N, C-alpha and C. Protein backbone atom coordinates (compact mmCIF):
# COMPACT_ATOMS: atom_id res chain seq x y z
N MET A 1 -3.71 -52.78 12.41
CA MET A 1 -2.46 -52.88 11.60
C MET A 1 -1.92 -51.85 10.92
N GLU A 2 -0.68 -51.32 11.23
CA GLU A 2 -0.32 -50.05 10.73
C GLU A 2 0.88 -50.26 9.79
N VAL A 3 0.53 -49.41 8.87
CA VAL A 3 1.70 -49.43 7.65
C VAL A 3 2.72 -48.20 7.78
N LYS A 4 3.88 -48.44 8.19
CA LYS A 4 4.90 -47.45 7.89
C LYS A 4 5.08 -46.71 6.71
N ILE A 5 5.25 -45.49 6.67
CA ILE A 5 5.42 -44.75 5.08
C ILE A 5 6.57 -43.85 5.49
N ASN A 6 7.61 -43.77 4.57
CA ASN A 6 8.71 -42.75 4.96
C ASN A 6 8.38 -41.54 4.31
N LYS A 7 8.81 -40.43 5.57
CA LYS A 7 8.53 -38.97 5.06
C LYS A 7 8.96 -38.69 3.85
N GLU A 8 9.94 -39.23 3.45
CA GLU A 8 10.49 -38.89 2.03
C GLU A 8 9.61 -39.05 0.70
N ILE A 9 8.41 -39.57 0.93
CA ILE A 9 7.71 -40.14 0.01
C ILE A 9 7.10 -38.49 -0.57
N ARG A 10 7.05 -37.65 0.42
CA ARG A 10 6.41 -36.37 0.03
C ARG A 10 7.37 -35.53 -0.96
N ASN A 11 8.59 -35.89 -0.77
CA ASN A 11 9.70 -35.03 -1.67
C ASN A 11 9.89 -35.81 -2.80
N TYR A 12 9.06 -36.82 -3.53
CA TYR A 12 9.51 -37.48 -4.60
C TYR A 12 8.92 -36.39 -5.94
N THR A 13 10.15 -36.21 -6.71
CA THR A 13 9.66 -35.49 -8.09
C THR A 13 10.14 -36.91 -8.84
N GLU A 14 9.42 -36.68 -10.16
CA GLU A 14 9.49 -37.59 -11.17
C GLU A 14 10.80 -37.11 -12.16
N SER A 15 11.46 -38.17 -12.78
CA SER A 15 12.88 -37.60 -13.32
C SER A 15 12.16 -37.53 -14.91
N MET A 16 12.65 -36.17 -15.47
CA MET A 16 12.00 -36.24 -17.17
C MET A 16 13.10 -36.29 -17.98
N PHE A 17 14.22 -35.54 -17.70
CA PHE A 17 15.14 -35.47 -18.72
C PHE A 17 16.32 -35.58 -18.05
N PHE A 18 17.14 -36.29 -18.56
CA PHE A 18 18.82 -36.74 -17.95
C PHE A 18 18.67 -37.02 -16.42
N GLY A 19 17.70 -37.71 -15.72
CA GLY A 19 17.65 -37.52 -14.40
C GLY A 19 17.23 -36.34 -13.73
N LEU A 20 16.92 -35.42 -14.01
CA LEU A 20 16.41 -34.30 -13.69
C LEU A 20 14.81 -33.65 -13.56
N SER A 21 14.09 -33.27 -12.82
CA SER A 21 12.81 -32.76 -12.90
C SER A 21 12.80 -31.88 -13.93
N LEU A 22 11.55 -31.56 -14.18
CA LEU A 22 11.32 -30.63 -15.43
C LEU A 22 11.62 -29.19 -15.23
N ARG A 23 11.42 -29.07 -13.75
CA ARG A 23 11.93 -27.59 -13.22
C ARG A 23 13.32 -27.29 -13.36
N GLN A 24 14.00 -28.68 -12.88
CA GLN A 24 15.55 -28.76 -12.98
C GLN A 24 16.10 -28.73 -14.09
N PHE A 25 15.41 -28.92 -15.20
CA PHE A 25 15.64 -29.07 -16.46
C PHE A 25 15.63 -27.78 -17.29
N ILE A 26 14.50 -27.07 -16.83
CA ILE A 26 14.36 -25.79 -17.35
C ILE A 26 15.52 -24.68 -16.88
N PHE A 27 15.75 -24.84 -15.64
CA PHE A 27 16.58 -23.97 -14.89
C PHE A 27 17.89 -24.22 -15.44
N SER A 28 18.31 -25.60 -15.95
CA SER A 28 19.59 -25.81 -16.37
C SER A 28 19.88 -25.23 -17.81
N LEU A 29 18.76 -25.30 -18.91
CA LEU A 29 18.69 -24.68 -20.21
C LEU A 29 19.05 -23.12 -20.07
N LEU A 30 18.08 -22.77 -19.00
CA LEU A 30 18.40 -21.16 -18.68
C LEU A 30 19.72 -20.96 -18.58
N ALA A 31 20.24 -21.67 -17.21
CA ALA A 31 21.91 -21.36 -17.16
C ALA A 31 22.64 -21.72 -18.32
N ILE A 32 22.18 -22.44 -19.01
CA ILE A 32 23.01 -23.05 -20.30
C ILE A 32 23.07 -21.63 -21.25
N GLY A 33 21.93 -21.02 -21.54
CA GLY A 33 21.65 -20.00 -22.40
C GLY A 33 22.13 -18.74 -21.85
N VAL A 34 22.26 -18.48 -20.64
CA VAL A 34 23.12 -17.49 -20.11
C VAL A 34 24.59 -17.59 -20.31
N ALA A 35 25.15 -18.64 -19.82
CA ALA A 35 26.54 -18.98 -20.21
C ALA A 35 26.89 -18.64 -21.55
N VAL A 36 26.31 -19.15 -22.56
CA VAL A 36 26.54 -18.91 -24.09
C VAL A 36 26.11 -17.67 -24.33
N GLY A 37 25.05 -16.75 -23.66
CA GLY A 37 25.00 -15.31 -24.27
C GLY A 37 26.13 -14.56 -23.72
N LEU A 38 26.71 -14.78 -22.31
CA LEU A 38 27.63 -14.04 -21.92
C LEU A 38 29.15 -14.31 -22.62
N TYR A 39 29.08 -15.47 -23.13
CA TYR A 39 30.28 -15.84 -23.76
C TYR A 39 30.37 -15.03 -25.49
N PHE A 40 29.26 -15.07 -26.21
CA PHE A 40 29.24 -14.12 -27.33
C PHE A 40 29.42 -12.61 -26.91
N LEU A 41 28.83 -12.14 -25.75
CA LEU A 41 28.76 -10.84 -25.75
C LEU A 41 30.06 -10.26 -25.15
N LEU A 42 30.62 -11.00 -24.50
CA LEU A 42 31.86 -10.53 -23.76
C LEU A 42 33.15 -11.06 -24.44
N ARG A 43 33.06 -11.87 -25.50
CA ARG A 43 34.51 -12.62 -26.10
C ARG A 43 35.13 -11.42 -26.74
N PRO A 44 34.94 -10.54 -27.22
CA PRO A 44 35.71 -9.43 -27.80
C PRO A 44 36.61 -8.70 -26.61
N HIS A 45 36.03 -8.43 -25.35
CA HIS A 45 36.75 -7.36 -24.63
C HIS A 45 37.23 -8.59 -23.65
N PHE A 46 37.42 -9.53 -23.33
CA PHE A 46 38.01 -10.39 -22.28
C PHE A 46 38.85 -11.66 -22.92
N GLY A 47 39.86 -12.05 -22.10
CA GLY A 47 40.71 -13.19 -22.52
C GLY A 47 39.60 -14.51 -22.09
N THR A 48 40.42 -15.71 -22.57
CA THR A 48 39.38 -16.69 -22.22
C THR A 48 39.39 -17.20 -20.75
N GLU A 49 40.16 -17.11 -19.97
CA GLU A 49 40.09 -17.53 -18.55
C GLU A 49 39.05 -16.48 -18.07
N THR A 50 39.24 -15.37 -18.21
CA THR A 50 38.46 -14.25 -17.58
C THR A 50 36.89 -14.62 -18.12
N LEU A 51 36.80 -14.76 -19.14
CA LEU A 51 35.50 -14.99 -19.81
C LEU A 51 34.83 -16.30 -19.15
N SER A 52 35.67 -17.41 -19.08
CA SER A 52 34.97 -18.49 -18.59
C SER A 52 34.68 -18.07 -17.27
N TRP A 53 35.29 -17.40 -16.11
CA TRP A 53 34.78 -17.39 -14.96
C TRP A 53 33.74 -16.37 -14.71
N MET A 54 33.63 -15.26 -15.88
CA MET A 54 32.42 -14.52 -16.04
C MET A 54 31.20 -15.47 -16.55
N CYS A 55 31.37 -16.66 -17.39
CA CYS A 55 30.34 -17.09 -17.87
C CYS A 55 29.84 -18.05 -16.75
N ILE A 56 30.73 -18.62 -15.77
CA ILE A 56 30.34 -19.66 -14.68
C ILE A 56 29.60 -18.86 -13.54
N LEU A 57 30.23 -17.92 -13.56
CA LEU A 57 29.35 -16.95 -12.38
C LEU A 57 28.10 -16.29 -12.80
N GLY A 58 27.91 -15.97 -14.23
CA GLY A 58 26.52 -15.84 -14.46
C GLY A 58 25.58 -16.76 -14.68
N ALA A 59 25.84 -17.92 -14.91
CA ALA A 59 24.99 -19.35 -14.98
C ALA A 59 24.81 -19.63 -13.73
N ALA A 60 25.47 -19.55 -12.71
CA ALA A 60 25.57 -20.15 -11.25
C ALA A 60 24.18 -19.90 -10.70
N PRO A 61 23.61 -18.81 -10.62
CA PRO A 61 22.61 -18.55 -9.91
C PRO A 61 21.38 -18.82 -10.52
N PHE A 62 21.20 -18.98 -11.99
CA PHE A 62 20.00 -19.85 -12.59
C PHE A 62 20.13 -21.18 -12.37
N ALA A 63 21.23 -21.79 -12.45
CA ALA A 63 21.71 -23.03 -12.22
C ALA A 63 20.92 -23.61 -11.07
N ALA A 64 21.45 -22.83 -9.82
CA ALA A 64 21.14 -23.22 -8.58
C ALA A 64 19.45 -22.93 -8.37
N MET A 65 18.88 -22.05 -8.89
CA MET A 65 17.26 -21.96 -8.82
C MET A 65 16.81 -23.09 -9.00
N GLY A 66 17.17 -23.89 -9.96
CA GLY A 66 16.38 -25.41 -10.14
C GLY A 66 16.23 -26.16 -8.96
N PHE A 67 17.44 -26.12 -8.15
CA PHE A 67 17.69 -27.13 -7.17
C PHE A 67 17.49 -26.59 -5.69
N VAL A 68 17.36 -25.23 -5.60
CA VAL A 68 17.40 -25.02 -4.16
C VAL A 68 15.90 -24.79 -3.69
N LYS A 69 15.67 -25.28 -2.11
CA LYS A 69 14.50 -25.30 -1.54
C LYS A 69 15.21 -24.66 -0.62
N TYR A 70 14.25 -23.77 0.00
CA TYR A 70 14.66 -23.03 1.44
C TYR A 70 13.24 -22.85 2.32
N ASN A 71 12.92 -23.42 3.46
CA ASN A 71 11.92 -23.63 4.14
C ASN A 71 10.65 -24.21 3.35
N GLY A 72 10.68 -24.90 2.36
CA GLY A 72 9.66 -25.56 1.79
C GLY A 72 9.43 -24.47 0.74
N MET A 73 9.96 -23.61 0.65
CA MET A 73 9.65 -22.63 -0.87
C MET A 73 10.74 -22.88 -2.15
N THR A 74 10.30 -22.92 -3.13
CA THR A 74 11.30 -23.21 -4.17
C THR A 74 12.03 -21.63 -4.22
N ALA A 75 12.90 -21.49 -5.30
CA ALA A 75 14.00 -20.30 -4.85
C ALA A 75 13.16 -19.02 -5.70
N GLU A 76 12.52 -19.29 -6.64
CA GLU A 76 11.49 -18.07 -7.31
C GLU A 76 10.42 -17.63 -6.29
N GLN A 77 10.04 -18.59 -5.44
CA GLN A 77 9.06 -18.13 -4.17
C GLN A 77 9.73 -17.40 -3.08
N PHE A 78 10.94 -18.05 -3.01
CA PHE A 78 11.85 -17.48 -1.83
C PHE A 78 12.28 -15.98 -2.13
N VAL A 79 12.44 -15.94 -3.51
CA VAL A 79 13.05 -14.47 -4.00
C VAL A 79 11.99 -13.57 -3.77
N CYS A 80 10.70 -13.94 -3.99
CA CYS A 80 9.20 -13.12 -4.36
C CYS A 80 9.13 -12.80 -2.66
N ALA A 81 9.32 -13.73 -1.90
CA ALA A 81 9.00 -13.52 -0.39
C ALA A 81 9.95 -12.38 0.03
N TRP A 82 11.30 -12.59 0.04
CA TRP A 82 12.02 -11.74 0.25
C TRP A 82 12.12 -10.17 -0.45
N PHE A 83 11.72 -10.16 -1.67
CA PHE A 83 11.36 -8.81 -2.34
C PHE A 83 10.24 -7.96 -1.50
N LYS A 84 9.19 -8.89 -1.07
CA LYS A 84 8.15 -8.17 -0.59
C LYS A 84 8.84 -7.99 0.92
N SER A 85 9.16 -8.81 1.72
CA SER A 85 9.61 -8.19 3.00
C SER A 85 10.77 -7.04 3.01
N GLU A 86 11.53 -7.10 1.83
CA GLU A 86 12.66 -5.91 2.03
C GLU A 86 12.23 -4.72 1.45
N PHE A 87 11.44 -4.61 0.51
CA PHE A 87 10.88 -3.62 -0.26
C PHE A 87 9.78 -2.94 -0.33
N MET A 88 8.56 -3.90 0.08
CA MET A 88 7.31 -3.61 -0.09
C MET A 88 6.50 -3.29 1.23
N THR A 89 7.29 -3.79 2.57
CA THR A 89 6.79 -3.83 3.71
C THR A 89 7.57 -2.73 4.29
N PRO A 90 7.31 -1.80 5.03
CA PRO A 90 7.94 -0.89 5.93
C PRO A 90 8.98 -1.67 6.69
N LYS A 91 10.05 -0.98 6.83
CA LYS A 91 11.22 -1.39 8.05
C LYS A 91 10.75 -1.08 9.57
N LYS A 92 10.21 -0.01 9.62
CA LYS A 92 10.24 0.44 11.02
C LYS A 92 8.77 0.54 11.07
N LEU A 93 8.13 -0.33 12.09
CA LEU A 93 6.64 -0.53 12.26
C LEU A 93 6.50 0.31 13.62
N MET A 94 5.59 1.34 13.61
CA MET A 94 5.65 1.96 14.90
C MET A 94 4.05 1.99 15.53
N PHE A 95 3.91 1.64 16.55
CA PHE A 95 2.84 1.36 17.27
C PHE A 95 2.56 3.19 18.12
N LEU A 96 1.51 3.66 17.48
CA LEU A 96 1.51 5.35 18.23
C LEU A 96 -0.24 5.02 18.72
N PRO A 97 -0.35 4.98 20.06
CA PRO A 97 -1.49 4.72 20.64
C PRO A 97 -2.37 5.72 20.65
N ASP A 98 -3.73 6.20 20.74
CA ASP A 98 -4.39 7.17 20.85
C ASP A 98 -5.28 6.86 22.11
N ASN A 99 -5.06 7.80 23.20
CA ASN A 99 -5.51 7.72 24.53
C ASN A 99 -6.72 8.62 24.44
N LEU A 100 -7.80 8.30 24.10
CA LEU A 100 -9.06 9.29 23.96
C LEU A 100 -9.42 9.70 25.50
N TYR A 101 -9.47 8.95 26.47
CA TYR A 101 -9.67 9.48 27.93
C TYR A 101 -8.72 10.70 27.85
N TYR A 102 -7.40 10.37 27.91
CA TYR A 102 -6.48 11.62 28.05
C TYR A 102 -6.81 12.67 27.39
N GLU A 103 -6.97 12.46 25.99
CA GLU A 103 -7.24 13.57 25.11
C GLU A 103 -8.38 14.39 25.48
N THR A 104 -9.31 13.46 25.96
CA THR A 104 -10.90 14.59 26.58
C THR A 104 -10.70 15.36 27.78
N LEU A 105 -9.49 14.53 28.77
CA LEU A 105 -9.63 15.04 30.34
C LEU A 105 -8.03 16.20 30.00
N LYS A 106 -7.36 16.25 29.01
CA LYS A 106 -5.97 17.05 28.81
C LYS A 106 -6.37 18.48 29.58
N PRO A 107 -7.14 19.39 29.19
CA PRO A 107 -7.57 20.76 30.09
C PRO A 107 -7.67 20.53 31.42
N ALA A 108 -8.45 19.69 31.85
CA ALA A 108 -8.65 19.67 33.38
C ALA A 108 -7.26 19.02 33.76
N ILE A 109 -6.48 18.28 33.38
CA ILE A 109 -5.43 17.95 33.90
C ILE A 109 -4.31 19.05 34.00
N GLN A 110 -4.18 19.69 32.91
CA GLN A 110 -3.76 20.98 33.03
C GLN A 110 -3.74 21.81 34.06
N ASP A 111 -5.19 22.04 34.32
CA ASP A 111 -5.48 23.06 35.25
C ASP A 111 -5.23 22.41 36.43
N HIS A 112 -5.41 21.17 36.89
CA HIS A 112 -4.99 20.95 38.08
C HIS A 112 -3.44 20.92 38.40
N GLU A 113 -2.65 20.62 37.34
CA GLU A 113 -1.36 20.92 37.42
C GLU A 113 -0.89 22.32 37.88
N ARG A 114 -1.43 23.14 37.07
CA ARG A 114 -1.25 24.66 37.20
C ARG A 114 -1.63 25.01 38.79
N ALA A 115 -2.77 24.60 39.03
CA ALA A 115 -3.37 24.83 40.65
C ALA A 115 -2.53 24.20 41.73
N ALA A 116 -1.52 23.21 41.39
CA ALA A 116 -0.77 22.59 42.16
C ALA A 116 0.74 23.62 42.46
N LEU A 117 0.85 23.93 41.22
CA LEU A 117 2.01 25.10 41.31
C LEU A 117 1.57 26.37 41.72
N GLY A 118 0.45 26.74 41.84
CA GLY A 118 -0.27 27.91 42.53
C GLY A 118 -0.23 28.99 41.43
N MET A 119 -0.59 28.49 40.29
CA MET A 119 -0.73 29.42 38.96
C MET A 119 -2.36 29.11 38.71
N LYS A 120 -2.74 30.55 38.03
CA LYS A 120 -4.38 30.45 37.94
C LYS A 120 -4.37 29.55 36.73
N PRO A 121 -5.55 28.65 36.88
CA PRO A 121 -6.22 27.66 35.81
C PRO A 121 -6.31 28.40 34.54
N LYS A 122 -5.99 27.86 33.56
CA LYS A 122 -5.99 28.32 32.28
C LYS A 122 -7.27 27.71 31.77
N ARG A 123 -8.36 28.75 31.27
CA ARG A 123 -9.67 27.93 30.83
C ARG A 123 -9.38 28.09 29.20
N ASN A 124 -10.32 27.31 28.62
CA ASN A 124 -10.35 27.29 26.96
C ASN A 124 -11.22 28.43 26.84
N PRO A 125 -10.54 29.29 25.87
CA PRO A 125 -11.37 30.69 25.37
C PRO A 125 -12.87 30.34 24.72
N LYS A 126 -12.82 28.89 24.08
CA LYS A 126 -13.99 28.45 23.18
C LYS A 126 -14.40 27.36 23.89
N PRO A 127 -15.77 27.73 23.99
CA PRO A 127 -16.71 26.39 24.73
C PRO A 127 -16.43 25.51 23.48
N PRO A 128 -16.62 24.10 24.03
CA PRO A 128 -17.09 22.92 22.88
C PRO A 128 -18.08 23.33 22.31
N LYS A 129 -17.91 22.80 21.01
CA LYS A 129 -19.16 22.84 20.25
C LYS A 129 -20.31 21.83 20.42
N LYS A 130 -21.46 22.48 20.33
CA LYS A 130 -22.79 21.47 20.38
C LYS A 130 -23.07 21.03 19.20
N SER A 131 -23.62 19.83 19.28
CA SER A 131 -24.15 19.32 17.93
C SER A 131 -25.51 20.12 18.00
N LYS A 132 -25.85 20.25 16.75
CA LYS A 132 -27.07 20.89 16.39
C LYS A 132 -28.29 19.59 16.66
N LYS A 133 -29.23 19.52 16.99
CA LYS A 133 -30.09 18.54 17.03
C LYS A 133 -31.21 18.84 16.14
N ARG A 134 -31.85 18.10 15.49
CA ARG A 134 -32.81 18.22 14.48
C ARG A 134 -34.22 18.61 14.91
N LYS A 135 -34.85 19.36 14.47
CA LYS A 135 -36.20 19.33 15.39
C LYS A 135 -37.15 18.06 14.91
N GLU A 136 -37.95 17.51 15.76
CA GLU A 136 -38.51 16.29 15.38
C GLU A 136 -39.64 17.14 15.10
N VAL A 137 -40.22 16.45 14.06
CA VAL A 137 -41.52 16.63 13.37
C VAL A 137 -42.62 15.44 13.31
N ASP A 138 -43.76 15.92 13.63
CA ASP A 138 -44.55 14.67 13.62
C ASP A 138 -45.01 14.54 12.18
N HIS A 139 -44.98 13.30 11.46
CA HIS A 139 -45.75 13.06 10.02
C HIS A 139 -46.68 12.16 10.16
N ASP A 140 -48.02 12.82 10.88
CA ASP A 140 -49.32 12.15 10.71
C ASP A 140 -50.15 12.15 9.49
């Protein structure tokens, strides 16, 4: 027997205050605090209508953060991911391969190219360095 359960059950959040989840309620209080702070800070400088729009625009991002989900991330997780991708990781990713085989044979390739053009092959004035081998000592 198969029991069907709706997929929306995963998205269930318990209402804590005024029909809002705890997260939504905290961000709503933060938005109210920002709006009140902007009101008292800017009241001597602007008129009532301009001031009301500034309070709305200042509080809107904080209010939205409590309700927004993007790709399964909450707003603060999204802001953190955006910050990492924009500022902490390099924009231009470059792959610079090292061809060890070509670098080793580069003098010989150049000699062959010079010979094909009828020029004298150019030799390295310095021979490659030989590694110093340690003398083997018998410890009997």
